[in-house]
PDB file of N, CA and C in Angstrom:
ATOM      1  N   MET A   1       1.109  -1.461  -0.308  1.00  0.00           N
ATOM      2  CA  MET A   1       0.160  -0.121  -0.084  1.00  0.00           C
ATOM      3  C   MET A   1       1.063   1.077  -0.035  1.00  0.00           C
ATOM      4  N   THR A   2       0.471   2.376  -0.991  1.00  0.00           N
ATOM      5  CA  THR A   2       1.365   3.616  -0.725  1.00  0.00           C
ATOM      6  C   THR A   2       0.694   3.948  -0.120  1.00  0.00           C
ATOM      7  N   THR A   3       1.848   5.373   0.473  1.00  0.00           N
ATOM      8  CA  THR A   3       0.725   6.454   1.353  1.00  0.00           C
ATOM      9  C   THR A   3       1.098   7.983   0.173  1.00  0.00           C
ATOM     10  N   LYS A   4       0.463   8.631   0.278  1.00  0.00           N
ATOM     11  CA  LYS A   4       0.766  10.269  -0.339  1.00  0.00           C
ATOM     12  C   LYS A   4       1.114  10.521   0.716  1.00  0.00           C
ATOM     13  N   ARG A   5       2.246  11.706  -0.438  1.00  0.00           N
ATOM     14  CA  ARG A   5       3.462  12.387   0.996  1.00  0.00           C
ATOM     15  C   ARG A   5       2.330  13.598   1.059  1.00  0.00           C
ATOM     16  N   LYS A   6       2.732  14.216   1.636  1.00  0.00           N
ATOM     17  CA  LYS A   6       2.206  15.482   2.513  1.00  0.00           C
ATOM     18  C   LYS A   6       2.582  16.734   2.167  1.00  0.00           C
ATOM     19  N   LYS A   7       1.883  17.656   1.331  1.00  0.00           N
ATOM     20  CA  LYS A   7       2.509  19.061   1.087  1.00  0.00           C
ATOM     21  C   LYS A   7       2.083  19.901   2.612  1.00  0.00           C
ATOM     22  N   HIS A   8       3.017  20.439   2.916  1.00  0.00           N
ATOM     23  CA  HIS A   8       3.185  21.228   3.210  1.00  0.00           C
ATOM     24  C   HIS A   8       2.937  23.013   3.118  1.00  0.00           C
ATOM     25  N   PRO A   9       2.329  23.371   4.012  1.00  0.00           N
ATOM     26  CA  PRO A   9       2.295  24.976   3.235  1.00  0.00           C
ATOM     27  C   PRO A   9       3.515  25.619   3.470  1.00  0.00           C
ATOM     28  N   ALA A  10       3.502  26.754   3.090  1.00  0.00           N
ATOM     29  CA  ALA A  10       5.124  27.723   3.296  1.00  0.00           C
ATOM     30  C   ALA A  10       5.035  28.055   4.784  1.00  0.00           C
ATOM     31  N   ARG A  11       3.326  28.988   4.954  1.00  0.00           N
ATOM     32  CA  ARG A  11       3.939  29.463   6.895  1.00  0.00           C
ATOM     33  C   ARG A  11       3.898  28.280   7.536  1.00  0.00           C
ATOM     34  N   PHE A  12       3.691  26.757   7.539  1.00  0.00           N
ATOM     35  CA  PHE A  12       4.106  25.759   8.306  1.00  0.00           C
ATOM     36  C   PHE A  12       5.569  25.557   8.415  1.00  0.00           C
ATOM     37  N   LYS A  13       5.910  25.512   7.469  1.00  0.00           N
ATOM     38  CA  LYS A  13       7.237  25.323   7.016  1.00  0.00           C
ATOM     39  C   LYS A  13       8.314  26.034   7.616  1.00  0.00           C
ATOM     40  N   ALA A  14       7.568  27.465   7.697  1.00  0.00           N
ATOM     41  CA  ALA A  14       8.737  28.563   8.463  1.00  0.00           C
ATOM     42  C   ALA A  14       8.436  28.648  10.269  1.00  0.00           C
ATOM     43  N   LYS A  15       7.277  28.384  10.143  1.00  0.00           N
ATOM     44  CA  LYS A  15       6.721  27.933  11.869  1.00  0.00           C
ATOM     45  C   LYS A  15       7.729  27.131  12.534  1.00  0.00           C
ATOM     46  N   VAL A  16       8.008  26.012  11.579  1.00  0.00           N
ATOM     47  CA  VAL A  16       8.466  25.012  11.962  1.00  0.00           C
ATOM     48  C   VAL A  16      10.373  24.707  12.413  1.00  0.00           C
ATOM     49  N   ALA A  17      10.716  25.866  11.060  1.00  0.00           N
ATOM     50  CA  ALA A  17      11.994  26.375  10.970  1.00  0.00           C
ATOM     51  C   ALA A  17      12.289  27.515  11.996  1.00  0.00           C
ATOM     52  N   VAL A  18      11.450  27.895  11.967  1.00  0.00           N
ATOM     53  CA  VAL A  18      11.559  29.295  13.339  1.00  0.00           C
ATOM     54  C   VAL A  18      11.855  28.428  14.554  1.00  0.00           C
ATOM     55  N   GLU A  19      11.323  27.686  14.834  1.00  0.00           N
ATOM     56  CA  GLU A  19      10.942  27.244  16.156  1.00  0.00           C
ATOM     57  C   GLU A  19      12.500  26.002  16.169  1.00  0.00           C
ATOM     58  N   ALA A  20      12.908  25.441  15.398  1.00  0.00           N
ATOM     59  CA  ALA A  20      14.232  25.494  14.802  1.00  0.00           C
ATOM     60  C   ALA A  20      15.561  25.854  14.923  1.00  0.00           C
ATOM     61  N   ILE A  21      15.276  26.992  14.503  1.00  0.00           N
ATOM     62  CA  ILE A  21      16.939  28.121  14.893  1.00  0.00           C
ATOM     63  C   ILE A  21      16.887  28.614  16.891  1.00  0.00           C
ATOM     64  N   LYS A  22      15.021  28.797  16.632  1.00  0.00           N
ATOM     65  CA  LYS A  22      15.178  29.621  18.059  1.00  0.00           C
ATOM     66  C   LYS A  22      15.530  28.167  19.585  1.00  0.00           C
ATOM     67  N   SER A  23      15.900  27.127  19.157  1.00  0.00           N
ATOM     68  CA  SER A  23      16.823  26.393  19.381  1.00  0.00           C
ATOM     69  C   SER A  23      16.116  26.032  20.974  1.00  0.00           C
ATOM     70  N   ILE A  24      14.380  26.514  21.092  1.00  0.00           N
ATOM     71  CA  ILE A  24      13.901  26.107  22.660  1.00  0.00           C
ATOM     72  C   ILE A  24      13.596  24.492  22.961  1.00  0.00           C
ATOM     73  N   ARG A  25      13.234  23.697  21.539  1.00  0.00           N
ATOM     74  CA  ARG A  25      13.015  22.330  21.980  1.00  0.00           C
ATOM     75  C   ARG A  25      14.377  21.621  20.866  1.00  0.00           C
ATOM     76  N   THR A  26      14.567  20.465  21.215  1.00  0.00           N
ATOM     77  CA  THR A  26      15.018  19.518  20.087  1.00  0.00           C
ATOM     78  C   THR A  26      14.223  19.805  18.825  1.00  0.00           C
ATOM     79  N   VAL A  27      15.452  19.280  17.371  1.00  0.00           N
ATOM     80  CA  VAL A  27      14.120  18.780  16.624  1.00  0.00           C
ATOM     81  C   VAL A  27      14.236  17.498  16.687  1.00  0.00           C
ATOM     82  N   SER A  28      14.209  16.468  17.625  1.00  0.00           N
ATOM     83  CA  SER A  28      13.592  15.421  17.678  1.00  0.00           C
ATOM     84  C   SER A  28      12.167  15.684  18.104  1.00  0.00           C
ATOM     85  N   GLU A  29      12.091  16.633  19.076  1.00  0.00           N
ATOM     86  CA  GLU A  29      10.577  17.090  19.718  1.00  0.00           C
ATOM     87  C   GLU A  29      10.279  18.277  18.665  1.00  0.00           C
ATOM     88  N   LEU A  30      10.346  19.063  18.192  1.00  0.00           N
ATOM     89  CA  LEU A  30       9.604  19.281  16.800  1.00  0.00           C
ATOM     90  C   LEU A  30       9.602  18.174  16.275  1.00  0.00           C
ATOM     91  N   ALA A  31      10.097  17.471  16.257  1.00  0.00           N
ATOM     92  CA  ALA A  31       9.445  16.286  14.926  1.00  0.00           C
ATOM     93  C   ALA A  31       8.264  15.602  15.146  1.00  0.00           C
ATOM     94  N   ALA A  32       8.613  15.337  16.688  1.00  0.00           N
ATOM     95  CA  ALA A  32       6.678  14.235  17.330  1.00  0.00           C
ATOM     96  C   ALA A  32       6.153  15.353  17.022  1.00  0.00           C
ATOM     97  N   ALA A  33       6.477  16.941  17.575  1.00  0.00           N
ATOM     98  CA  ALA A  33       5.319  17.679  17.947  1.00  0.00           C
ATOM     99  C   ALA A  33       4.511  18.245  16.266  1.00  0.00           C
ATOM    100  N   TYR A  34       5.174  17.987  15.612  1.00  0.00           N
ATOM    101  CA  TYR A  34       4.366  18.659  14.281  1.00  0.00           C
ATOM    102  C   TYR A  34       4.531  17.286  13.411  1.00  0.00           C
ATOM    103  N   SER A  35       4.688  16.124  13.796  1.00  0.00           N
ATOM    104  CA  SER A  35       4.440  15.049  12.898  1.00  0.00           C
ATOM    105  C   SER A  35       5.221  14.848  11.473  1.00  0.00           C
ATOM    106  N   VAL A  36       6.821  15.401  11.957  1.00  0.00           N
ATOM    107  CA  VAL A  36       7.723  15.679  10.599  1.00  0.00           C
ATOM    108  C   VAL A  36       8.578  14.990  10.881  1.00  0.00           C
ATOM    109  N   HIS A  37       9.627  14.243   9.944  1.00  0.00           N
ATOM    110  CA  HIS A  37      11.139  14.050   9.934  1.00  0.00           C
ATOM    111  C   HIS A  37      11.876  14.661  10.333  1.00  0.00           C
ATOM    112  N   PRO A  38      12.536  14.233  11.123  1.00  0.00           N
ATOM    113  CA  PRO A  38      13.454  15.423  11.802  1.00  0.00           C
ATOM    114  C   PRO A  38      14.395  15.924  10.547  1.00  0.00           C
ATOM    115  N   SER A  39      14.797  15.277   9.482  1.00  0.00           N
ATOM    116  CA  SER A  39      15.688  15.490   8.613  1.00  0.00           C
ATOM    117  C   SER A  39      14.954  16.671   7.797  1.00  0.00           C
ATOM    118  N   GLN A  40      13.973  16.434   7.613  1.00  0.00           N
ATOM    119  CA  GLN A  40      13.055  17.199   7.235  1.00  0.00           C
ATOM    120  C   GLN A  40      12.573  18.824   7.603  1.00  0.00           C
ATOM    121  N   ILE A  41      12.745  18.420   8.469  1.00  0.00           N
ATOM    122  CA  ILE A  41      13.071  19.922   9.775  1.00  0.00           C
ATOM    123  C   ILE A  41      14.435  20.476   9.168  1.00  0.00           C
ATOM    124  N   HIS A  42      15.480  19.549   9.120  1.00  0.00           N
ATOM    125  CA  HIS A  42      16.561  20.268   9.391  1.00  0.00           C
ATOM    126  C   HIS A  42      17.026  21.163   7.740  1.00  0.00           C
ATOM    127  N   HIS A  43      16.243  20.138   7.119  1.00  0.00           N
ATOM    128  CA  HIS A  43      16.257  20.907   5.432  1.00  0.00           C
ATOM    129  C   HIS A  43      15.701  22.615   5.693  1.00  0.00           C
ATOM    130  N   TRP A  44      14.415  22.684   6.748  1.00  0.00           N
ATOM    131  CA  TRP A  44      14.057  23.664   6.281  1.00  0.00           C
ATOM    132  C   TRP A  44      14.503  25.218   6.820  1.00  0.00           C
ATOM    133  N   LYS A  45      15.581  24.441   8.066  1.00  0.00           N
ATOM    134  CA  LYS A  45      16.222  25.115   8.606  1.00  0.00           C
ATOM    135  C   LYS A  45      16.858  25.869   8.172  1.00  0.00           C
ATOM    136  N   LYS A  46      17.723  25.034   7.164  1.00  0.00           N
ATOM    137  CA  LYS A  46      18.897  25.494   6.319  1.00  0.00           C
ATOM    138  C   LYS A  46      18.013  26.734   5.224  1.00  0.00           C
ATOM    139  N   GLN A  47      17.460  26.130   4.670  1.00  0.00           N
ATOM    140  CA  GLN A  47      16.498  26.795   3.752  1.00  0.00           C
ATOM    141  C   GLN A  47      16.198  28.308   4.632  1.00  0.00           C
ATOM    142  N   ALA A  48      15.915  28.201   5.302  1.00  0.00           N
ATOM    143  CA  ALA A  48      15.186  29.414   6.452  1.00  0.00           C
ATOM    144  C   ALA A  48      16.458  30.348   6.313  1.00  0.00           C
ATOM    145  N   LEU A  49      17.747  29.920   6.493  1.00  0.00           N
ATOM    146  CA  LEU A  49      18.850  30.766   6.696  1.00  0.00           C
ATOM    147  C   LEU A  49      19.507  30.929   5.550  1.00  0.00           C
ATOM    148  N   GLU A  50      19.633  30.228   4.900  1.00  0.00           N
ATOM    149  CA  GLU A  50      20.439  30.860   3.919  1.00  0.00           C
ATOM    150  C   GLU A  50      19.486  31.664   2.473  1.00  0.00           C
ATOM    151  N   GLY A  51      18.230  31.977   3.335  1.00  0.00           N
ATOM    152  CA  GLY A  51      17.324  32.674   2.851  1.00  0.00           C
ATOM    153  C   GLY A  51      17.451  33.623   2.992  1.00  0.00           C
ATOM    154  N   LEU A  52      17.525  34.019   4.570  1.00  0.00           N
ATOM    155  CA  LEU A  52      17.348  35.155   5.249  1.00  0.00           C
ATOM    156  C   LEU A  52      17.940  36.417   4.962  1.00  0.00           C
ATOM    157  N   PRO A  53      19.204  36.413   3.940  1.00  0.00           N
ATOM    158  CA  PRO A  53      20.197  38.070   3.647  1.00  0.00           C
ATOM    159  C   PRO A  53      19.182  38.754   2.591  1.00  0.00           C
ATOM    160  N   GLU A  54      18.813  37.692   1.534  1.00  0.00           N
ATOM    161  CA  GLU A  54      17.572  38.280   0.813  1.00  0.00           C
ATOM    162  C   GLU A  54      16.285  38.755   1.380  1.00  0.00           C
ATOM    163  N   VAL A  55      16.439  38.926   2.171  1.00  0.00           N
ATOM    164  CA  VAL A  55      14.838  39.346   3.123  1.00  0.00           C
ATOM    165  C   VAL A  55      15.306  40.981   3.094  1.00  0.00           C
ATOM    166  N   PHE A  56      16.932  40.607   3.628  1.00  0.00           N
ATOM    167  CA  PHE A  56      17.112  42.364   3.886  1.00  0.00           C
ATOM    168  C   PHE A  56      17.388  43.575   2.546  1.00  0.00           C
ATOM    169  N   GLN A  57      17.178  42.890   1.553  1.00  0.00           N
ATOM    170  CA  GLN A  57      17.918  43.431   0.592  1.00  0.00           C
ATOM    171  C   GLN A  57      17.144  44.048  -0.009  1.00  0.00           C
ATOM    172  N   THR A  58      17.589  45.891   0.163  1.00  0.00           N
ATOM    173  CA  THR A  58      15.889  46.693  -0.547  1.00  0.00           C
ATOM    174  C   THR A  58      16.079  47.013  -1.563  1.00  0.00           C
ATOM    175  N   ASN A  59      17.329  46.863  -2.749  1.00  0.00           N
ATOM    176  CA  ASN A  59      17.049  47.283  -4.032  1.00  0.00           C
ATOM    177  C   ASN A  59      16.303  46.191  -4.792  1.00  0.00           C
ATOM    178  N   LYS A  60      16.041  45.205  -3.993  1.00  0.00           N
ATOM    179  CA  LYS A  60      14.862  43.989  -4.736  1.00  0.00           C
ATOM    180  C   LYS A  60      14.001  44.049  -5.516  1.00  0.00           C
ATOM    181  N   PRO A  61      13.515  44.462  -6.838  1.00  0.00           N
ATOM    182  CA  PRO A  61      11.950  45.473  -6.674  1.00  0.00           C
ATOM    183  C   PRO A  61      10.721  43.909  -6.124  1.00  0.00           C
ATOM    184  N   THR A  62      10.088  44.197  -5.605  1.00  0.00           N
ATOM    185  CA  THR A  62       8.951  43.198  -5.472  1.00  0.00           C
ATOM    186  C   THR A  62       8.091  42.871  -6.808  1.00  0.00           C
ATOM    187  N   MET A  63       7.308  41.977  -6.921  1.00  0.00           N
ATOM    188  CA  MET A  63       6.544  41.693  -7.703  1.00  0.00           C
ATOM    189  C   MET A  63       5.767  42.748  -8.395  1.00  0.00           C
ATOM    190  N   GLN A  64       5.038  43.013  -6.710  1.00  0.00           N
ATOM    191  CA  GLN A  64       4.298  44.152  -6.865  1.00  0.00           C
ATOM    192  C   GLN A  64       4.974  45.254  -7.716  1.00  0.00           C
ATOM    193  N   GLN A  65       6.381  45.525  -7.233  1.00  0.00           N
ATOM    194  CA  GLN A  65       6.596  46.867  -8.137  1.00  0.00           C
ATOM    195  C   GLN A  65       6.905  46.630  -9.689  1.00  0.00           C
ATOM    196  N   THR A  66       6.907  45.607  -9.999  1.00  0.00           N
ATOM    197  CA  THR A  66       7.325  45.141 -11.326  1.00  0.00           C
ATOM    198  C   THR A  66       5.648  45.312 -12.682  1.00  0.00           C
ATOM    199  N   ASP A  67       4.630  44.947 -11.792  1.00  0.00           N
ATOM    200  CA  ASP A  67       3.684  44.941 -12.175  1.00  0.00           C
ATOM    201  C   ASP A  67       3.431  46.552 -12.346  1.00  0.00           C
ATOM    202  N   ILE A  68       3.638  47.063 -11.543  1.00  0.00           N
ATOM    203  CA  ILE A  68       3.258  48.671 -11.682  1.00  0.00           C
ATOM    204  C   ILE A  68       4.090  48.470 -12.845  1.00  0.00           C
ATOM    205  N   SER A  69       5.456  49.081 -12.785  1.00  0.00           N
ATOM    206  CA  SER A  69       6.524  49.301 -13.898  1.00  0.00           C
ATOM    207  C   SER A  69       5.855  49.120 -15.127  1.00  0.00           C
ATOM    208  N   ALA A  70       5.754  47.171 -15.567  1.00  0.00           N
ATOM    209  CA  ALA A  70       5.232  46.984 -17.071  1.00  0.00           C
ATOM    210  C   ALA A  70       3.986  47.707 -17.120  1.00  0.00           C
ATOM    211  N   LYS A  71       3.014  47.812 -16.290  1.00  0.00           N
ATOM    212  CA  LYS A  71       1.498  48.850 -16.749  1.00  0.00           C
ATOM    213  C   LYS A  71       1.983  50.442 -16.986  1.00  0.00           C
ATOM    214  N   LEU A  72       2.987  50.808 -16.266  1.00  0.00           N
ATOM    215  CA  LEU A  72       3.165  52.458 -17.157  1.00  0.00           C
ATOM    216  C   LEU A  72       3.763  51.782 -17.886  1.00  0.00           C
ATOM    217  N   PHE A  73       4.646  51.633 -18.416  1.00  0.00           N
ATOM    218  CA  PHE A  73       5.479  51.427 -19.907  1.00  0.00           C
ATOM    219  C   PHE A  73       4.603  51.616 -20.844  1.00  0.00           C
ATOM    220  N   GLU A  74       3.261  50.726 -20.389  1.00  0.00           N
ATOM    221  CA  GLU A  74       2.612  49.737 -21.558  1.00  0.00           C
ATOM    222  C   GLU A  74       2.125  51.363 -21.795  1.00  0.00           C
ATOM    223  N   GLU A  75       1.351  51.503 -20.965  1.00  0.00           N
ATOM    224  CA  GLU A  75       0.533  53.539 -20.604  1.00  0.00           C
ATOM    225  C   GLU A  75       1.914  54.672 -21.949  1.00  0.00           C
ATOM    226  N   ILE A  76       2.871  54.564 -21.549  1.00  0.00           N
ATOM    227  CA  ILE A  76       3.486  55.383 -22.022  1.00  0.00           C
ATOM    228  C   ILE A  76       3.784  55.525 -23.420  1.00  0.00           C
ATOM    229  N   GLY A  77       3.878  53.610 -23.797  1.00  0.00           N
ATOM    230  CA  GLY A  77       4.025  53.628 -25.028  1.00  0.00           C
ATOM    231  C   GLY A  77       2.744  53.951 -25.975  1.00  0.00           C
ATOM    232  N   ARG A  78       1.436  53.928 -25.344  1.00  0.00           N
ATOM    233  CA  ARG A  78       0.419  53.415 -25.772  1.00  0.00           C
ATOM    234  C   ARG A  78       0.593  54.902 -25.895  1.00  0.00           C
ATOM    235  N   LEU A  79       0.552  56.370 -24.348  1.00  0.00           N
ATOM    236  CA  LEU A  79       0.437  57.931 -24.945  1.00  0.00           C
ATOM    237  C   LEU A  79       1.167  58.747 -26.632  1.00  0.00           C
ATOM    238  N   LYS A  80       2.664  57.900 -26.280  1.00  0.00           N
ATOM    239  CA  LYS A  80       3.028  58.192 -27.354  1.00  0.00           C
ATOM    240  C   LYS A  80       3.011  58.217 -28.105  1.00  0.00           C
ATOM    241  N   VAL A  81       2.442  56.510 -28.834  1.00  0.00           N
ATOM    242  CA  VAL A  81       1.744  56.785 -29.697  1.00  0.00           C
ATOM    243  C   VAL A  81       0.511  57.815 -30.879  1.00  0.00           C
ATOM    244  N   GLU A  82      -0.568  57.870 -29.539  1.00  0.00           N
ATOM    245  CA  GLU A  82      -1.092  58.633 -30.255  1.00  0.00           C
ATOM    246  C   GLU A  82      -0.715  59.751 -30.324  1.00  0.00           C
ATOM    247  N   LEU A  83       0.145  60.662 -29.458  1.00  0.00           N
ATOM    248  CA  LEU A  83       0.847  61.823 -29.525  1.00  0.00           C
ATOM    249  C   LEU A  83       1.327  61.994 -31.016  1.00  0.00           C
ATOM    250  N   ASP A  84       2.018  61.079 -31.455  1.00  0.00           N
ATOM    251  CA  ASP A  84       2.559  61.165 -32.480  1.00  0.00           C
ATOM    252  C   ASP A  84       1.612  61.406 -33.829  1.00  0.00           C
ATOM    253  N   TRP A  85       0.764  60.405 -33.780  1.00  0.00           N
ATOM    254  CA  TRP A  85      -0.520  60.475 -34.303  1.00  0.00           C
ATOM    255  C   TRP A  85      -1.316  61.757 -34.797  1.00  0.00           C
ATOM    256  N   LEU A  86      -1.425  62.382 -33.452  1.00  0.00           N
ATOM    257  CA  LEU A  86      -2.035  63.440 -33.257  1.00  0.00           C
ATOM    258  C   LEU A  86      -0.900  64.652 -33.858  1.00  0.00           C
ATOM    259  N   LYS A  87      -0.220  64.982 -33.547  1.00  0.00           N
ATOM    260  CA  LYS A  87       1.501  65.407 -34.338  1.00  0.00           C
ATOM    261  C   LYS A  87       1.218  65.386 -35.850  1.00  0.00           C
ATOM    262  N   LYS A  88       1.101  64.073 -36.398  1.00  0.00           N
ATOM    263  CA  LYS A  88       1.010  63.933 -37.561  1.00  0.00           C
ATOM    264  C   LYS A  88      -0.078  64.601 -38.259  1.00  0.00           C
ATOM    265  N   LYS A  89      -1.503  64.509 -37.366  1.00  0.00           N
ATOM    266  CA  LYS A  89      -2.971  64.858 -37.817  1.00  0.00           C
ATOM    267  C   LYS A  89      -2.868  66.448 -38.207  1.00  0.00           C
ATOM    268  N   SER A  90      -2.346  67.190 -37.157  1.00  0.00           N
ATOM    269  CA  SER A  90      -2.448  68.260 -36.464  1.00  0.00           C
ATOM    270  C   SER A  90      -1.668  69.498 -37.950  1.00  0.00           C
ATOM    271  N   GLY A  91      -0.533  68.844 -38.485  1.00  0.00           N
ATOM    272  CA  GLY A  91       0.107  69.104 -39.079  1.00  0.00           C
ATOM    273  C   GLY A  91      -0.672  69.080 -41.027  1.00  0.00           C
ATOM    274  N   GLU A  92      -1.024  67.831 -40.949  1.00  0.00           N
ATOM    275  CA  GLU A  92      -2.279  68.031 -42.377  1.00  0.00           C
ATOM    276  C   GLU A  92      -3.207  68.972 -42.444  1.00  0.00           C
ATOM    277  N   ILE A  93      -3.380  69.313 -41.037  1.00  0.00           N
ATOM    278  CA  ILE A  93      -4.485  71.157 -41.290  1.00  0.00           C
ATOM    279  C   ILE A  93      -3.683  71.381 -41.471  1.00  0.00           C
ATOM    280  N   HIS A  94      -3.071  72.350 -41.189  1.00  0.00           N
ATOM    281  CA  HIS A  94      -2.258  73.559 -41.387  1.00  0.00           C
ATOM    282  C   HIS A  94      -2.377  73.938 -43.112  1.00  0.00           C
TER     283      HIS A  94
END
């Protein structure tokens, strides 16, 4: 009989990793409390510690900033085309 692998949400992984980093309880105690294998907790802890420097980078644009920038560039392009068309048409009138 096969069993399905559990897919833990990111929030759960972060919670367990933070507790492992704090070292209030041992990894085996955490594994028993959250029904997760100790090696998995070590892996999540390692991932959290490796990813921490990226949290404090201020020059990294967020997804929302890049979406806004893309929309603004699109609108600028559209307005430029409209302006060029209006300049062309206004020149034909004179």
